[in-house]
């Protein structure tokens, strides 16, 4: 019995914690309507993105790993052909605005999720997390933890190219 428990524990510890399965991959992204961080009184709805391929990055100003990935996102957003939206998770808007002013703003728009409900709907385990959503509003990819150059170049960028080609094939 001890040996079986030790083997199970070793198998669990050898797995990449960022490889947590997401029940949303292949399914519709959760519907939302959230206030915009940059424009008081305005909001953004999931339906506003219908027909677009887009990236959603869940972040917070209090999140150290978010600060690590941020320069990569700034660079990526500057050359990406799709919009990158931010979901500011369980954060204070003033702190989030100051953080973006200090580090640069890669986001087409940033939504505020102060109570974390939308993050929960997306199955967010913690920040940062990044999602790729297709034209039909389906989640096509989820990455937990800071995005790395390898994830951007080997997974996200090729997926975005494929989703863009799908548009051209249907045109």
Protein backbone atom coordinates (compact mmCIF):
# COMPACT_ATOMS: atom_id res chain seq x y z
CA UNK A 1 0.00 0.00 0.00
CA UNK A 2 2.83 2.38 0.85
CA UNK A 3 4.56 1.60 -2.45
CA UNK A 4 1.36 2.34 -4.44
CA UNK A 5 0.92 5.65 -2.58
CA UNK A 6 4.57 6.58 -3.20
CA UNK A 7 4.24 5.82 -6.93
CA UNK A 8 1.03 7.87 -7.19
CA UNK A 9 2.66 10.79 -5.36
CA UNK A 10 5.76 10.65 -7.57
CA UNK A 11 3.60 10.62 -10.70
CA UNK A 12 1.65 13.63 -9.47
CA UNK A 13 4.79 15.59 -8.59
CA UNK A 14 6.36 14.91 -11.98
CA UNK A 15 3.53 16.64 -13.86
CA UNK A 16 3.75 20.23 -15.02
CA UNK A 17 1.41 22.29 -12.79
CA UNK A 18 0.71 24.61 -15.75
CA UNK A 19 -0.75 21.66 -17.63
CA UNK A 20 -3.93 21.71 -15.57
CA UNK A 21 -6.77 20.57 -17.79
CA UNK A 22 -9.39 23.13 -18.72
CA UNK A 23 -12.93 21.91 -19.23
CA UNK A 24 -13.50 24.98 -21.43
CA UNK A 25 -11.09 24.08 -24.24
CA UNK A 26 -13.27 23.39 -27.28
CA UNK A 27 -16.34 24.90 -25.59
CA UNK A 28 -17.87 28.38 -25.72
CA UNK A 29 -16.11 31.01 -23.63
CA UNK A 30 -18.27 32.23 -20.75
CA UNK A 31 -20.51 35.19 -21.47
CA UNK A 32 -19.60 38.38 -19.63
CA UNK A 33 -20.16 42.10 -19.45
CA UNK A 34 -17.47 43.88 -17.48
CA UNK A 35 -16.46 47.48 -16.84
CA UNK A 36 -13.41 48.76 -18.69
CA UNK A 37 -10.42 49.77 -16.61
CA UNK A 38 -9.48 52.63 -18.95
CA UNK A 39 -12.97 54.11 -19.48
CA UNK A 40 -15.20 54.60 -16.48
CA UNK A 41 -18.85 54.03 -17.28
CA UNK A 42 -18.09 51.85 -20.33
CA UNK A 43 -18.12 48.09 -20.47
CA UNK A 44 -17.16 45.27 -22.79
CA UNK A 45 -19.28 42.21 -23.55
CA UNK A 46 -18.17 38.84 -24.79
CA UNK A 47 -20.59 39.35 -27.68
CA UNK A 48 -18.48 42.37 -28.77
CA UNK A 49 -15.75 39.89 -29.75
CA UNK A 50 -18.01 37.63 -31.83
CA UNK A 51 -16.41 36.96 -35.19
CA UNK A 52 -12.90 37.82 -33.93
CA UNK A 53 -9.97 35.68 -32.90
CA UNK A 54 -8.62 37.13 -29.66
CA UNK A 55 -6.35 36.49 -26.73
CA UNK A 56 -7.43 36.97 -23.11
CA UNK A 57 -4.73 37.47 -20.48
CA UNK A 58 -5.84 37.30 -16.85
CA UNK A 59 -3.55 39.36 -14.61
CA UNK A 60 -3.31 41.50 -11.47
CA UNK A 61 -0.98 44.24 -10.26
CA UNK A 62 -0.26 42.27 -7.07
CA UNK A 63 0.89 39.23 -9.09
CA UNK A 64 4.68 38.79 -9.33
CA UNK A 65 4.53 36.19 -12.16
CA UNK A 66 2.35 38.65 -14.11
CA UNK A 67 5.18 41.16 -13.92
CA UNK A 68 7.59 38.51 -15.25
CA UNK A 69 5.46 37.76 -18.33
CA UNK A 70 4.45 41.37 -18.98
CA UNK A 71 7.39 42.43 -21.23
CA UNK A 72 6.67 39.40 -23.44
CA UNK A 73 3.01 40.42 -23.73
CA UNK A 74 3.96 44.00 -24.60
CA UNK A 75 6.22 42.71 -27.38
CA UNK A 76 3.70 40.10 -28.56
CA UNK A 77 0.80 42.58 -28.67
CA UNK A 78 2.92 44.95 -30.74
CA UNK A 79 3.33 42.36 -33.49
CA UNK A 80 0.21 40.19 -33.11
CA UNK A 81 -2.47 40.33 -35.77
CA UNK A 82 -5.19 39.69 -33.19
CA UNK A 83 -6.32 41.81 -30.25
CA UNK A 84 -5.05 40.99 -26.77
CA UNK A 85 -7.55 41.79 -24.02
CA UNK A 86 -6.72 41.98 -20.34
CA UNK A 87 -8.87 40.69 -17.50
CA UNK A 88 -7.72 42.45 -14.35
CA UNK A 89 -8.53 39.89 -11.66
CA UNK A 90 -9.44 40.73 -8.04
CA UNK A 91 -7.46 43.95 -8.15
CA UNK A 92 -7.92 47.60 -7.30
CA UNK A 93 -8.49 49.66 -10.47
CA UNK A 94 -6.14 52.48 -9.37
CA UNK A 95 -3.33 49.97 -8.71
CA UNK A 96 -3.97 48.27 -12.06
CA UNK A 97 -3.91 51.57 -13.97
CA UNK A 98 -0.66 52.61 -12.25
CA UNK A 99 0.90 49.21 -13.04
CA UNK A 100 0.04 49.49 -16.74
CA UNK A 101 1.31 53.08 -16.87
CA UNK A 102 4.61 51.99 -15.33
CA UNK A 103 5.14 48.77 -17.33
CA UNK A 104 3.33 49.50 -20.60
CA UNK A 105 -0.11 48.50 -21.79
CA UNK A 106 -0.27 45.58 -24.24
CA UNK A 107 -4.06 45.34 -24.11
CA UNK A 108 -6.59 46.47 -26.69
CA UNK A 109 -8.81 46.96 -23.63
CA UNK A 110 -8.73 45.81 -20.02
CA UNK A 111 -11.81 44.61 -18.19
CA UNK A 112 -12.04 44.70 -14.42
CA UNK A 113 -13.14 41.59 -12.55
CA UNK A 114 -12.98 42.90 -9.00
CA UNK A 115 -15.03 40.09 -7.43
CA UNK A 116 -13.41 37.38 -9.57
CA UNK A 117 -16.68 35.92 -10.89
CA UNK A 118 -15.69 36.05 -14.55
CA UNK A 119 -12.33 34.51 -13.73
CA UNK A 120 -14.13 31.71 -11.93
CA UNK A 121 -16.40 31.24 -14.96
CA UNK A 122 -13.24 30.82 -17.08
CA UNK A 123 -11.91 28.28 -14.57
CA UNK A 124 -8.99 30.47 -13.52
CA UNK A 125 -6.88 28.74 -10.88
CA UNK A 126 -4.63 31.76 -10.32
CA UNK A 127 -2.98 34.55 -12.22
CA UNK A 128 -1.62 34.83 -14.77
CA UNK A 129 -3.58 32.70 -17.20
CA UNK A 130 -3.94 33.16 -20.94
CA UNK A 131 -6.67 31.97 -23.30
CA UNK A 132 -7.03 31.94 -27.09
CA UNK A 133 -10.61 32.32 -28.28
CA UNK A 134 -11.75 31.71 -31.85
CA UNK A 135 -14.28 33.54 -34.06
CA UNK A 136 -17.13 31.35 -32.87
CA UNK A 137 -16.35 32.30 -29.27
CA UNK A 138 -14.84 28.91 -28.35
CA UNK A 139 -11.84 28.59 -26.07
CA UNK A 140 -9.14 26.96 -28.18
CA UNK A 141 -6.21 27.11 -25.75
CA UNK A 142 -5.50 27.83 -22.09
CA UNK A 143 -2.14 28.41 -20.45
CA UNK A 144 -1.84 28.63 -16.66
CA UNK A 145 1.11 30.57 -15.31
CA UNK A 146 3.33 33.13 -16.99
CA UNK A 147 3.56 32.94 -20.75
CA UNK A 148 7.08 32.10 -21.88
CA UNK A 149 8.77 32.81 -25.22
CA UNK A 150 8.45 29.08 -25.99
CA UNK A 151 4.70 29.03 -25.35
CA UNK A 152 4.23 32.13 -27.48
CA UNK A 153 6.33 30.89 -30.39
CA UNK A 154 5.56 27.16 -30.30
CA UNK A 155 1.89 27.14 -29.32
CA UNK A 156 0.04 30.47 -29.29
CA UNK A 157 1.45 32.03 -32.47
CA UNK A 158 0.95 28.89 -34.62
CA UNK A 159 -2.59 28.49 -33.27
CA UNK A 160 -3.40 32.12 -34.08
CA UNK A 161 -2.03 31.65 -37.61
CA UNK A 162 -4.21 28.56 -38.03
CA UNK A 163 -7.29 30.41 -36.81
CA UNK A 164 -6.52 33.31 -39.15
CA UNK A 165 -6.15 30.86 -42.07
CA UNK A 166 -9.58 29.46 -41.24
CA UNK A 167 -10.96 32.94 -41.93
CA UNK A 168 -9.19 33.12 -45.29
CA UNK A 169 -10.42 29.63 -46.22
CA UNK A 170 -14.01 30.67 -45.57
CA UNK A 171 -13.71 34.01 -47.40
